[in-house]
Amino acid sequence: MDSKAVLLFIACLFAGLTSGAQQKFDPKHVEIALANGQQANEGFARSLLFVNGWLKHTDPATGLIPTNLDRAKDIWEPHNSAADNWAFMVLTSYLLDKGLYNGKMLEMLNTERKLTSRVKSLPDTWSFSKQGFKTDKPDMNWVIFGTAEYMKDGILPLCEYIGNSPWKDRMMEMLADMPEYYTIFKEIDQLGGYKVASEEVNGDMLQTLVRTYWMTGQQKYLDWATLIGDYYMLGERDLSTLKYLRLRDHGCEIIGGLSELYVTLSFVNPGKKKSYQEPLHRLLDRVLEVGRNPDGLFYNGVNAATGEVVDKGVSDNWGYVYDAFYAVYLIDHTEKYRSAFRSMLKNLNEKYRNFAWEGKSHDGYADAIEGGINLFNRESNEDLKAWIESEMQVMFKMQQPDGIIGAWHGDGNFARTAIMYSLWKTMGATLQPWRSDVVLGAEKVGEETLFVLTAEKEWNGTLLFDAQRHKTNMGLPIDYPRINQFPEWLTVQPDKQYHITSSSKNISGKYDGAELLEGLPIKLKAGKKLILSIR
């Protein structure tokens, strides 16, 4: 190639590299991304309002939140206050108010660890009026129940999203002390108001142990999980023949737990996985046969032995159960487990809008929508999308002006699902520092993802892209659907290169993934739009 040809080649190459900076973005996609940002902002703002609302009701002596604001205002319970409410105050603060996260939330953790640890590190119910434990002696069944709930419902989601933190340390110390008091809950079918406490605790522990195995690489956690799995899969307690198989929360956790163990064994112990395959498929087939209503959603409870429906209510945890089916589908490619979920979506959208999942409670909406978002992440479907959009507005309207939703521990689940929804609308990207007038929205456009940012007042900060958290934080081999996970949308990988085209020439260019994961510095002018596209 002669010198003129070389110069012409370089000029054409330079023109190709720089032309993207002058690209005109499709106004339609820009408006969609901006609308998504406004929806995300509502979810984030409502979550922070919830946190500040509950902080007004902390116990003056300890700084801990009560279980609820009426009949159980005097107590902090591991399975309620900590697991369902406070954990998502922590996550909200992590995303939206780092000062609160590193301040009040950490203080509450230190207080909770110091005061409520009763049997070694295992927590028990604390009474504010007594400034001591509610009961004179610990009931170990309740201690185990509360600890299992605290770890699975509360801390595991924090591990999934945040990674290493003092809350993960808290979980690991509880998990270290558990084996002395618990290996498997056997046929404890009634604990307080919990009708199948054995299935709930064992399901909680399966999920906790399997994910902790991947986080740490320590075989002891998988061995423990396999003991529980053998109890159910190899004959001692056959769920497919139970007189009461619960398909909603406080029971359905066992189906999710067994599916997570099955996925794990398929990677690390194929022989054991094979021994589970027939009994697990038998259970799932039985649930499909007798556990669904004509619309394809699950009943609250069935007699798996006879097929009788013992609780005809529709489970708000339909997504939690379908998570298990979908996880097994990913491993065994059993198409009927995927199509069972897909076939009910039109009915969901047409018949279950503004549905009384749990009467007038927001918690039914939170769980049902969470399941929908998690599965939409795997299967983009217009019926499911329309239903999620509709029902989020129903749930949002249940929040009171002071931030309180239902005035009980389930309020945290409102924030959990609102955050999941908001992260969908930003494709997983977040801003630091967050401010209520700064809007970030995103829209997938072919092979690229479009981001739009605006602010009422000038803002300087960082745009943070999401990572493959199932790998970086959890060490999982695949991103299978699981209860209370925060789905991944656009994820940046450190060893890949990305091209950004922006309305700001200072931002356009090529970036290493590792650089983007550190964050993209952003300056927003008041009232102006900043647009960027990443591929």
Protein backbone atom coordinates (compact mmCIF):
# COMPACT_ATOMS: atom_id res chain seq x y z
CA MET A 1 0.00 0.00 0.00
CA ASP A 2 1.51 3.40 -1.03
CA SER A 3 1.69 6.42 1.28
CA LYS A 4 -1.39 8.11 -0.21
CA ALA A 5 -3.42 4.95 0.29
CA VAL A 6 -2.21 4.70 3.88
CA LEU A 7 -3.21 8.29 4.58
CA LEU A 8 -6.61 7.71 2.97
CA PHE A 9 -7.11 4.55 5.05
CA ILE A 10 -6.22 6.39 8.28
CA ALA A 11 -8.55 9.27 7.40
CA CYS A 12 -11.44 6.89 6.73
CA LEU A 13 -10.73 4.97 9.93
CA PHE A 14 -10.63 8.19 11.97
CA ALA A 15 -13.89 9.34 10.38
CA GLY A 16 -15.49 6.03 11.29
CA LEU A 17 -14.31 6.26 14.90
CA THR A 18 -15.40 9.83 15.42
CA SER A 19 -18.65 9.81 13.52
CA GLY A 20 -20.35 8.05 16.43
CA ALA A 21 -19.84 11.13 18.57
CA GLN A 22 -22.03 13.07 16.15
CA GLN A 23 -24.72 10.39 16.00
CA LYS A 24 -28.28 11.58 16.31
CA PHE A 25 -30.17 9.42 18.77
CA ASP A 26 -33.66 8.25 17.87
CA PRO A 27 -36.02 10.59 19.76
CA LYS A 28 -38.48 7.75 20.33
CA HIS A 29 -35.89 5.65 22.16
CA VAL A 30 -34.65 8.67 24.08
CA GLU A 31 -38.19 9.34 25.35
CA ILE A 32 -38.67 5.70 26.32
CA ALA A 33 -35.40 5.71 28.28
CA LEU A 34 -36.38 8.99 29.95
CA ALA A 35 -39.78 7.57 30.93
CA ASN A 36 -38.04 4.50 32.32
CA GLY A 37 -35.85 6.81 34.35
CA GLN A 38 -38.82 8.60 35.83
CA GLN A 39 -40.32 5.24 36.82
CA ALA A 40 -37.01 4.16 38.33
CA ASN A 41 -36.80 7.39 40.27
CA GLU A 42 -40.24 6.84 41.74
CA GLY A 43 -39.24 3.39 42.95
CA PHE A 44 -36.00 4.65 44.46
CA ALA A 45 -37.61 7.69 46.08
CA ARG A 46 -40.39 5.59 47.59
CA SER A 47 -37.84 3.13 48.97
CA LEU A 48 -35.89 5.89 50.71
CA LEU A 49 -39.13 7.40 51.99
CA PHE A 50 -39.93 3.99 53.50
CA VAL A 51 -36.56 3.88 55.28
CA ASN A 52 -36.92 7.36 56.74
CA GLY A 53 -40.49 6.60 57.78
CA TRP A 54 -39.48 3.53 59.75
CA LEU A 55 -36.46 5.21 61.34
CA LYS A 56 -38.89 7.51 63.13
CA HIS A 57 -40.18 4.47 65.03
CA THR A 58 -36.92 3.02 66.35
CA ASP A 59 -36.64 2.07 70.00
CA PRO A 60 -34.98 5.00 71.82
CA ALA A 61 -32.75 2.74 73.91
CA THR A 62 -31.42 0.39 71.23
CA GLY A 63 -32.13 2.10 67.91
CA LEU A 64 -33.71 -1.11 66.57
CA ILE A 65 -37.00 -1.16 64.66
CA PRO A 66 -40.04 -3.01 66.03
CA THR A 67 -41.76 -5.90 64.29
CA ASN A 68 -44.78 -3.72 63.59
CA LEU A 69 -46.28 -0.46 64.74
CA ASP A 70 -49.20 -1.82 66.76
CA ARG A 71 -49.49 -5.24 68.39
CA ALA A 72 -45.78 -6.13 68.19
CA LYS A 73 -44.34 -2.67 68.69
CA ASP A 74 -42.37 -3.84 71.72
CA ILE A 75 -40.20 -6.47 70.01
CA TRP A 76 -37.44 -6.99 67.45
CA GLU A 77 -37.72 -10.45 65.85
CA PRO A 78 -35.00 -12.05 63.73
CA HIS A 79 -37.50 -13.67 61.36
CA ASN A 80 -39.56 -10.50 60.91
CA SER A 81 -37.85 -7.24 61.87
CA ALA A 82 -34.40 -8.31 60.65
CA ALA A 83 -35.23 -10.64 57.76
CA ASP A 84 -38.04 -8.84 55.97
CA ASN A 85 -37.83 -5.18 56.96
CA TRP A 86 -34.48 -3.98 58.17
CA ALA A 87 -32.45 -5.87 55.53
CA PHE A 88 -34.08 -3.82 52.79
CA MET A 89 -33.60 -0.62 54.72
CA VAL A 90 -29.93 -1.57 54.51
CA LEU A 91 -30.04 -2.21 50.75
CA THR A 92 -31.95 1.01 50.09
CA SER A 93 -29.36 2.97 52.07
CA TYR A 94 -26.50 1.26 50.23
CA LEU A 95 -27.91 2.42 46.90
CA LEU A 96 -29.32 5.81 47.79
CA ASP A 97 -27.69 7.17 50.96
CA LYS A 98 -24.19 5.91 51.71
CA GLY A 99 -23.99 8.07 54.84
CA LEU A 100 -27.02 6.29 56.24
CA TYR A 101 -25.63 2.91 55.18
CA ASN A 102 -22.26 3.46 56.85
CA GLY A 103 -23.83 5.22 59.81
CA LYS A 104 -27.20 4.28 61.26
CA MET A 105 -27.50 0.94 59.44
CA LEU A 106 -24.10 -0.23 60.62
CA GLU A 107 -24.89 0.95 64.15
CA MET A 108 -28.07 -1.15 64.07
CA LEU A 109 -26.08 -4.19 62.94
CA ASN A 110 -23.60 -3.79 65.76
CA THR A 111 -26.43 -3.37 68.27
CA GLU A 112 -28.38 -6.33 66.92
CA ARG A 113 -25.31 -8.54 67.04
CA LYS A 114 -24.46 -7.47 70.60
CA LEU A 115 -27.96 -7.60 72.11
CA THR A 116 -29.97 -10.27 70.27
CA SER A 117 -27.35 -13.04 69.94
CA ARG A 118 -28.64 -15.52 72.50
CA VAL A 119 -27.29 -18.99 71.72
CA LYS A 120 -23.74 -18.16 70.70
CA SER A 121 -24.32 -15.90 67.70
CA LEU A 122 -27.86 -17.18 67.01
CA PRO A 123 -30.43 -14.42 67.61
CA ASP A 124 -33.68 -14.44 69.57
CA THR A 125 -36.58 -12.06 70.07
CA TRP A 126 -35.67 -8.90 71.99
CA SER A 127 -38.15 -6.95 74.13
CA PHE A 128 -37.77 -3.18 74.27
CA SER A 129 -39.80 -2.82 77.45
CA LYS A 130 -37.73 -5.48 79.23
CA GLN A 131 -34.48 -4.46 77.53
CA GLY A 132 -33.87 -8.17 77.45
CA PHE A 133 -35.07 -11.28 75.67
CA LYS A 134 -38.81 -11.77 75.40
CA THR A 135 -38.71 -15.26 76.93
CA ASP A 136 -36.85 -16.39 80.03
CA LYS A 137 -35.37 -19.37 78.22
CA PRO A 138 -34.63 -19.84 74.52
CA ASP A 139 -36.86 -22.16 72.52
CA MET A 140 -34.33 -23.67 70.11
CA ASN A 141 -36.93 -24.38 67.44
CA TRP A 142 -37.75 -20.66 67.35
CA VAL A 143 -34.07 -19.69 67.47
CA ILE A 144 -33.31 -21.95 64.50
CA PHE A 145 -36.37 -20.71 62.62
CA GLY A 146 -35.48 -17.05 63.19
CA THR A 147 -31.84 -17.57 62.24
CA ALA A 148 -32.71 -19.42 59.03
CA GLU A 149 -35.16 -16.70 58.01
CA TYR A 150 -32.72 -13.92 58.87
CA MET A 151 -30.01 -15.48 56.73
CA LYS A 152 -32.07 -16.46 53.70
CA ASP A 153 -34.66 -13.68 53.48
CA GLY A 154 -32.50 -10.87 54.82
CA ILE A 155 -28.77 -11.31 54.40
CA LEU A 156 -28.51 -13.48 51.27
CA PRO A 157 -30.03 -10.73 49.08
CA LEU A 158 -27.47 -8.31 50.53
CA CYS A 159 -24.69 -10.75 49.70
CA GLU A 160 -26.03 -11.10 46.17
CA TYR A 161 -26.11 -7.37 45.54
CA ILE A 162 -23.43 -5.85 47.78
CA GLY A 163 -20.95 -8.71 48.06
CA ASN A 164 -18.60 -8.64 51.04
CA SER A 165 -19.96 -6.56 53.90
CA PRO A 166 -20.41 -6.65 57.67
CA TRP A 167 -23.81 -8.26 57.02
CA LYS A 168 -22.17 -11.16 55.20
CA ASP A 169 -19.84 -11.51 58.20
CA ARG A 170 -22.91 -11.69 60.44
CA MET A 171 -24.38 -14.48 58.31
CA MET A 172 -21.17 -16.46 58.32
CA GLU A 173 -20.87 -16.39 62.12
CA MET A 174 -24.47 -17.58 62.50
CA LEU A 175 -23.91 -20.29 59.93
CA ALA A 176 -20.80 -21.42 61.81
CA ASP A 177 -22.79 -21.83 65.05
CA MET A 178 -25.86 -23.52 63.52
CA PRO A 179 -24.58 -27.11 63.15
CA GLU A 180 -24.36 -27.58 66.91
CA TYR A 181 -28.14 -27.14 67.15
CA TYR A 182 -29.57 -28.00 63.72
CA THR A 183 -28.91 -30.31 60.81
CA ILE A 184 -32.40 -31.03 59.46
CA PHE A 185 -35.81 -29.99 60.79
CA LYS A 186 -37.80 -33.23 60.73
CA GLU A 187 -41.59 -33.11 60.70
CA ILE A 188 -41.93 -29.95 62.76
CA ASP A 189 -45.22 -29.16 61.06
CA GLN A 190 -46.44 -26.51 63.46
CA LEU A 191 -44.39 -23.71 64.98
CA GLY A 192 -46.56 -20.86 66.13
CA GLY A 193 -48.66 -19.96 63.10
CA TYR A 194 -46.32 -21.70 60.65
CA LYS A 195 -47.99 -24.89 59.47
CA VAL A 196 -45.02 -26.46 57.67
CA ALA A 197 -42.09 -24.98 59.56
CA SER A 198 -39.91 -27.96 58.64
CA GLU A 199 -40.24 -27.21 54.92
CA GLU A 200 -39.68 -23.51 55.44
CA VAL A 201 -36.55 -23.88 57.55
CA ASN A 202 -35.07 -26.67 55.45
CA GLY A 203 -35.82 -24.71 52.28
CA ASP A 204 -34.23 -21.59 53.76
CA MET A 205 -31.17 -23.53 54.74
CA LEU A 206 -30.81 -25.26 51.38
CA GLN A 207 -30.76 -21.91 49.62
CA THR A 208 -28.35 -20.43 52.15
CA LEU A 209 -26.01 -23.42 52.15
CA VAL A 210 -25.88 -23.84 48.38
CA ARG A 211 -25.14 -20.18 47.75
CA THR A 212 -22.62 -20.08 50.59
CA TYR A 213 -20.89 -23.11 49.08
CA TRP A 214 -20.40 -21.19 45.84
CA MET A 215 -19.37 -18.00 47.68
CA THR A 216 -16.74 -19.73 49.77
CA GLY A 217 -15.86 -22.91 47.90
CA GLN A 218 -16.05 -24.82 51.20
CA GLN A 219 -17.33 -28.37 50.74
CA LYS A 220 -18.86 -28.55 54.23
CA TYR A 221 -21.75 -26.34 53.15
CA LEU A 222 -22.60 -28.53 50.17
CA ASP A 223 -22.30 -31.67 52.30
CA TRP A 224 -24.78 -30.22 54.78
CA ALA A 225 -27.16 -29.19 51.99
CA THR A 226 -26.94 -32.70 50.54
CA LEU A 227 -28.00 -34.23 53.87
CA ILE A 228 -31.17 -32.13 53.67
CA GLY A 229 -31.60 -32.99 50.00
CA ASP A 230 -31.30 -36.72 50.70
CA TYR A 231 -34.00 -36.43 53.36
CA TYR A 232 -36.47 -35.21 50.74
CA MET A 233 -35.20 -36.76 47.51
CA LEU A 234 -34.24 -40.25 48.64
CA GLY A 235 -37.41 -41.30 50.40
CA GLU A 236 -37.62 -40.27 54.04
CA ARG A 237 -39.99 -37.35 53.36
CA ASP A 238 -41.44 -37.48 49.86
CA LEU A 239 -42.99 -34.10 49.09
CA SER A 240 -44.96 -35.54 46.16
CA THR A 241 -47.04 -37.58 48.63
CA LEU A 242 -47.52 -35.03 51.44
CA LYS A 243 -51.04 -34.43 52.69
CA TYR A 244 -50.27 -30.71 52.83
CA LEU A 245 -47.86 -29.36 50.23
CA ARG A 246 -47.72 -25.60 50.60
CA LEU A 247 -47.12 -23.67 47.36
CA ARG A 248 -46.87 -20.22 48.84
CA ASP A 249 -44.40 -18.65 51.24
CA HIS A 250 -43.77 -20.39 54.55
CA GLY A 251 -43.58 -23.67 52.69
CA CYS A 252 -42.69 -23.23 49.03
CA GLU A 253 -39.09 -22.45 50.00
CA ILE A 254 -38.30 -26.17 49.97
CA ILE A 255 -39.06 -26.48 46.25
CA GLY A 256 -36.73 -23.59 45.47
CA GLY A 257 -34.06 -24.97 47.79
CA LEU A 258 -34.12 -28.41 46.21
CA SER A 259 -33.89 -26.89 42.73
CA GLU A 260 -30.83 -24.86 43.77
CA LEU A 261 -29.15 -27.95 45.19
CA TYR A 262 -29.99 -29.84 41.99
CA VAL A 263 -28.39 -27.15 39.83
CA THR A 264 -25.27 -27.21 41.99
CA LEU A 265 -24.95 -31.00 41.96
CA SER A 266 -25.21 -31.00 38.18
CA PHE A 267 -21.91 -29.11 38.12
CA VAL A 268 -19.99 -30.67 40.99
CA ASN A 269 -21.47 -34.14 41.60
CA PRO A 270 -23.30 -35.49 38.52
CA GLY A 271 -23.82 -38.90 40.13
CA LYS A 272 -25.73 -37.42 43.07
CA LYS A 273 -27.62 -35.15 40.70
CA LYS A 274 -28.71 -38.21 38.72
CA SER A 275 -30.02 -39.86 41.90
CA TYR A 276 -32.17 -36.75 42.52
CA GLN A 277 -33.48 -36.42 38.97
CA GLU A 278 -36.40 -38.85 39.10
CA PRO A 279 -37.74 -37.79 42.52
CA LEU A 280 -37.37 -34.08 41.76
CA HIS A 281 -39.10 -34.44 38.40
CA ARG A 282 -41.80 -36.49 40.10
CA LEU A 283 -42.37 -33.68 42.58
CA LEU A 284 -42.46 -30.99 39.89
CA ASP A 285 -44.76 -33.07 37.70
CA ARG A 286 -47.12 -33.59 40.64
CA VAL A 287 -47.20 -29.86 41.31
CA LEU A 288 -48.09 -29.20 37.68
CA GLU A 289 -50.74 -31.91 37.81
CA VAL A 290 -52.60 -30.95 40.98
CA GLY A 291 -51.14 -27.63 42.14
CA ARG A 292 -52.36 -25.22 39.45
CA ASN A 293 -55.67 -23.52 38.89
CA PRO A 294 -57.17 -23.38 35.36
CA ASP A 295 -55.21 -20.18 34.66
CA GLY A 296 -51.86 -21.83 35.36
CA LEU A 297 -51.18 -20.15 38.71
CA PHE A 298 -50.58 -22.14 41.86
CA TYR A 299 -53.00 -22.80 44.69
CA ASN A 300 -51.82 -21.95 48.17
CA GLY A 301 -51.81 -25.58 49.22
CA VAL A 302 -52.73 -29.07 47.99
CA ASN A 303 -52.84 -32.62 49.23
CA ALA A 304 -50.16 -34.02 46.96
CA ALA A 305 -51.16 -37.60 47.78
CA THR A 306 -54.81 -37.31 46.74
CA GLY A 307 -54.74 -34.24 44.49
CA GLU A 308 -57.29 -32.44 46.65
CA VAL A 309 -56.92 -28.65 46.83
CA VAL A 310 -56.79 -27.81 50.53
CA ASP A 311 -56.33 -24.04 50.14
CA LYS A 312 -57.88 -22.65 46.95
CA GLY A 313 -56.33 -19.22 47.39
CA VAL A 314 -54.00 -18.20 44.56
CA SER A 315 -50.35 -18.13 45.64
CA ASP A 316 -48.69 -14.73 45.36
CA ASN A 317 -45.46 -16.72 45.25
CA TRP A 318 -46.21 -18.24 41.86
CA GLY A 319 -42.92 -16.78 40.59
CA TYR A 320 -40.94 -18.37 43.41
CA VAL A 321 -42.27 -21.79 42.43
CA TYR A 322 -41.76 -21.20 38.71
CA ASP A 323 -38.17 -20.16 39.53
CA ALA A 324 -37.59 -23.76 40.57
CA PHE A 325 -39.15 -25.14 37.39
CA TYR A 326 -37.09 -22.80 35.25
CA ALA A 327 -33.86 -23.66 37.07
CA VAL A 328 -34.44 -27.37 36.43
CA TYR A 329 -35.32 -26.58 32.81
CA LEU A 330 -31.93 -24.87 32.40
CA ILE A 331 -30.18 -28.05 33.56
CA ASP A 332 -32.32 -30.83 32.08
CA HIS A 333 -33.91 -28.93 29.15
CA THR A 334 -37.32 -30.27 30.13
CA GLU A 335 -39.43 -28.04 27.90
CA LYS A 336 -42.69 -28.59 29.79
CA TYR A 337 -41.18 -26.84 32.84
CA ARG A 338 -40.52 -23.74 30.75
CA SER A 339 -43.76 -23.84 28.78
CA ALA A 340 -45.82 -24.19 31.98
CA PHE A 341 -44.61 -20.73 32.98
CA ARG A 342 -44.97 -19.22 29.52
CA SER A 343 -48.47 -20.54 29.00
CA MET A 344 -49.93 -18.73 32.02
CA LEU A 345 -48.72 -15.23 31.19
CA LYS A 346 -51.67 -14.19 29.03
CA ASN A 347 -54.07 -15.23 31.80
CA LEU A 348 -51.96 -13.36 34.35
CA ASN A 349 -52.21 -10.14 32.38
CA GLU A 350 -55.89 -10.46 31.53
CA LYS A 351 -57.30 -11.81 34.80
CA TYR A 352 -54.95 -10.84 37.64
CA ARG A 353 -54.70 -7.08 37.49
CA ASN A 354 -55.45 -5.36 40.79
CA PHE A 355 -55.84 -8.84 42.24
CA ALA A 356 -56.26 -9.38 45.98
CA TRP A 357 -53.20 -11.61 46.43
CA GLU A 358 -53.28 -11.28 50.21
CA GLY A 359 -56.43 -9.26 50.69
CA LYS A 360 -55.48 -5.59 50.87
CA SER A 361 -51.85 -6.22 51.81
CA HIS A 362 -49.03 -4.79 49.72
CA ASP A 363 -46.91 -7.84 50.55
CA GLY A 364 -48.79 -10.07 48.12
CA TYR A 365 -48.07 -7.56 45.39
CA ALA A 366 -44.41 -7.32 46.35
CA ASP A 367 -43.89 -11.08 46.13
CA ALA A 368 -45.96 -11.56 42.99
CA ILE A 369 -44.26 -8.70 41.14
CA GLU A 370 -40.81 -9.83 42.26
CA GLY A 371 -41.49 -13.25 40.75
CA GLY A 372 -42.65 -11.60 37.54
CA ILE A 373 -39.58 -9.36 37.24
CA ASN A 374 -37.18 -12.22 37.90
CA LEU A 375 -38.75 -14.41 35.23
CA PHE A 376 -39.16 -11.52 32.76
CA ASN A 377 -35.39 -11.20 32.99
CA ARG A 378 -35.21 -14.69 31.46
CA GLU A 379 -38.19 -14.55 29.13
CA SER A 380 -39.06 -11.19 27.59
CA ASN A 381 -42.84 -11.30 27.17
CA GLU A 382 -45.21 -8.43 26.45
CA ASP A 383 -48.04 -9.82 28.59
CA LEU A 384 -45.73 -10.17 31.57
CA LYS A 385 -44.25 -6.71 31.01
CA ALA A 386 -47.69 -5.10 30.83
CA TRP A 387 -48.79 -6.87 33.99
CA ILE A 388 -45.68 -5.78 35.93
CA GLU A 389 -46.14 -2.16 34.86
CA SER A 390 -49.78 -2.18 35.88
CA GLU A 391 -49.29 -3.83 39.26
CA MET A 392 -46.32 -1.69 40.30
CA GLN A 393 -48.64 1.31 40.20
CA VAL A 394 -51.16 -0.52 42.38
CA MET A 395 -48.46 -1.31 44.94
CA PHE A 396 -46.98 2.19 44.87
CA LYS A 397 -50.35 3.67 45.76
CA MET A 398 -50.41 1.65 48.98
CA GLN A 399 -47.61 3.74 50.48
CA GLN A 400 -48.65 6.44 52.93
CA PRO A 401 -47.25 9.99 52.79
CA ASP A 402 -44.95 9.32 55.77
CA GLY A 403 -43.32 6.39 53.96
CA ILE A 404 -45.02 3.62 55.94
CA ILE A 405 -46.86 1.07 53.84
CA GLY A 406 -48.63 -1.50 55.99
CA ALA A 407 -47.00 -0.64 59.33
CA TRP A 408 -45.59 -4.15 59.75
CA HIS A 409 -42.42 -6.04 58.92
CA GLY A 410 -43.58 -6.76 55.37
CA ASP A 411 -42.96 -3.11 54.50
CA GLY A 412 -39.38 -4.04 53.66
CA ASN A 413 -40.62 -6.28 50.88
CA PHE A 414 -42.20 -3.19 49.27
CA ALA A 415 -38.72 -1.63 49.02
CA ARG A 416 -37.14 -4.89 47.85
CA THR A 417 -39.50 -5.10 44.89
CA ALA A 418 -39.44 -1.36 44.17
CA ILE A 419 -35.63 -1.55 43.91
CA MET A 420 -35.83 -4.57 41.60
CA TYR A 421 -38.24 -2.64 39.39
CA SER A 422 -36.08 0.48 39.39
CA LEU A 423 -32.93 -1.46 38.51
CA TRP A 424 -34.78 -2.99 35.57
CA LYS A 425 -35.62 0.52 34.35
CA THR A 426 -31.96 1.59 34.56
CA MET A 427 -30.63 -1.69 33.12
CA GLY A 428 -28.85 -2.20 36.43
CA ALA A 429 -26.94 1.10 36.33
CA THR A 430 -26.88 3.34 39.39
CA LEU A 431 -25.69 6.82 40.36
CA GLN A 432 -23.44 7.93 43.18
CA PRO A 433 -24.33 10.07 44.92
CA TRP A 434 -28.04 9.54 44.31
CA ARG A 435 -30.25 12.60 44.38
CA SER A 436 -34.00 12.69 43.95
CA ASP A 437 -33.96 15.22 41.08
CA VAL A 438 -31.40 13.29 39.03
CA VAL A 439 -33.09 10.94 36.60
CA LEU A 440 -31.34 7.94 35.05
CA GLY A 441 -33.20 5.70 32.63
CA ALA A 442 -32.21 3.09 30.07
CA GLU A 443 -33.62 1.19 27.12
CA LYS A 444 -32.22 -1.77 25.20
CA VAL A 445 -32.01 -0.95 21.49
CA GLY A 446 -30.77 -3.88 19.45
CA GLU A 447 -27.18 -4.64 20.42
CA GLU A 448 -26.81 -1.36 22.30
CA THR A 449 -28.20 0.04 25.52
CA LEU A 450 -29.28 3.66 25.59
CA PHE A 451 -28.99 5.74 28.77
CA VAL A 452 -30.54 9.15 29.36
CA LEU A 453 -29.72 11.36 32.35
CA THR A 454 -31.24 14.66 33.44
CA ALA A 455 -31.12 16.80 36.59
CA GLU A 456 -33.10 19.78 37.82
CA LYS A 457 -29.91 21.22 39.32
CA GLU A 458 -26.28 20.79 38.33
CA TRP A 459 -24.94 17.39 39.44
CA ASN A 460 -21.45 15.90 39.47
CA GLY A 461 -21.10 12.22 40.21
CA THR A 462 -20.47 8.75 38.87
CA LEU A 463 -22.48 6.46 36.63
CA LEU A 464 -21.93 2.88 37.80
CA PHE A 465 -22.63 -0.07 35.53
CA ASP A 466 -23.66 -3.45 36.88
CA ALA A 467 -21.34 -6.45 37.01
CA GLN A 468 -22.08 -10.15 36.60
CA ARG A 469 -22.88 -10.36 40.29
CA HIS A 470 -23.80 -14.04 40.15
CA LYS A 471 -20.09 -14.58 39.38
CA THR A 472 -18.34 -11.74 41.17
CA ASN A 473 -20.34 -11.75 44.41
CA MET A 474 -21.70 -15.29 44.52
CA GLY A 475 -19.36 -17.45 42.46
CA LEU A 476 -22.31 -19.21 40.79
CA PRO A 477 -21.66 -21.23 37.64
CA ILE A 478 -24.83 -19.94 35.92
CA ASP A 479 -27.35 -17.25 36.72
CA TYR A 480 -30.31 -19.52 37.45
CA PRO A 481 -33.51 -17.88 38.82
CA ARG A 482 -33.73 -17.90 42.62
CA ILE A 483 -35.85 -16.33 45.32
CA ASN A 484 -35.01 -12.73 46.28
CA GLN A 485 -32.21 -12.30 43.75
CA PHE A 486 -31.78 -8.96 42.01
CA PRO A 487 -31.74 -9.74 38.28
CA GLU A 488 -28.88 -8.68 36.03
CA TRP A 489 -29.70 -6.61 32.95
CA LEU A 490 -26.74 -4.91 31.25
CA THR A 491 -23.61 -6.31 32.85
CA VAL A 492 -20.10 -5.06 32.12
CA GLN A 493 -17.31 -7.63 32.05
CA PRO A 494 -13.83 -6.47 33.08
CA ASP A 495 -11.98 -8.28 30.29
CA LYS A 496 -14.09 -6.89 27.43
CA GLN A 497 -13.97 -3.59 25.58
CA TYR A 498 -16.95 -1.28 25.16
CA HIS A 499 -17.74 1.60 22.84
CA ILE A 500 -19.73 4.55 24.13
CA THR A 501 -21.38 7.08 21.87
CA SER A 502 -22.66 10.16 23.67
CA SER A 503 -24.23 13.55 23.18
CA SER A 504 -21.14 14.74 25.10
CA LYS A 505 -17.98 14.37 23.05
CA ASN A 506 -15.97 14.12 26.27
CA ILE A 507 -17.66 10.79 27.05
CA SER A 508 -17.65 9.16 23.60
CA GLY A 509 -14.92 6.60 23.05
CA LYS A 510 -13.65 3.12 23.82
CA TYR A 511 -13.40 1.83 27.37
CA ASP A 512 -12.10 -1.29 29.04
CA GLY A 513 -14.74 -3.06 31.09
CA ALA A 514 -12.63 -2.80 34.24
CA GLU A 515 -12.54 0.97 33.75
CA LEU A 516 -16.31 1.19 33.39
CA LEU A 517 -16.86 -0.92 36.50
CA GLU A 518 -14.94 1.71 38.45
CA GLY A 519 -17.55 4.20 37.28
CA LEU A 520 -17.95 6.83 34.58
CA PRO A 521 -17.56 10.42 35.82
CA ILE A 522 -20.57 12.50 34.80
CA LYS A 523 -21.35 16.21 34.90
CA LEU A 524 -24.96 17.21 34.35
CA LYS A 525 -26.08 20.73 33.63
CA ALA A 526 -29.38 21.86 35.10
CA GLY A 527 -32.29 21.01 32.83
CA LYS A 528 -30.14 19.39 30.12
CA LYS A 529 -30.20 15.84 28.80
CA LEU A 530 -27.11 13.69 28.61
CA ILE A 531 -27.49 10.73 26.26
CA LEU A 532 -25.11 7.85 25.82
CA SER A 533 -25.22 4.49 24.14
CA ILE A 534 -23.00 1.57 25.10
CA ARG A 535 -22.16 -1.55 23.18
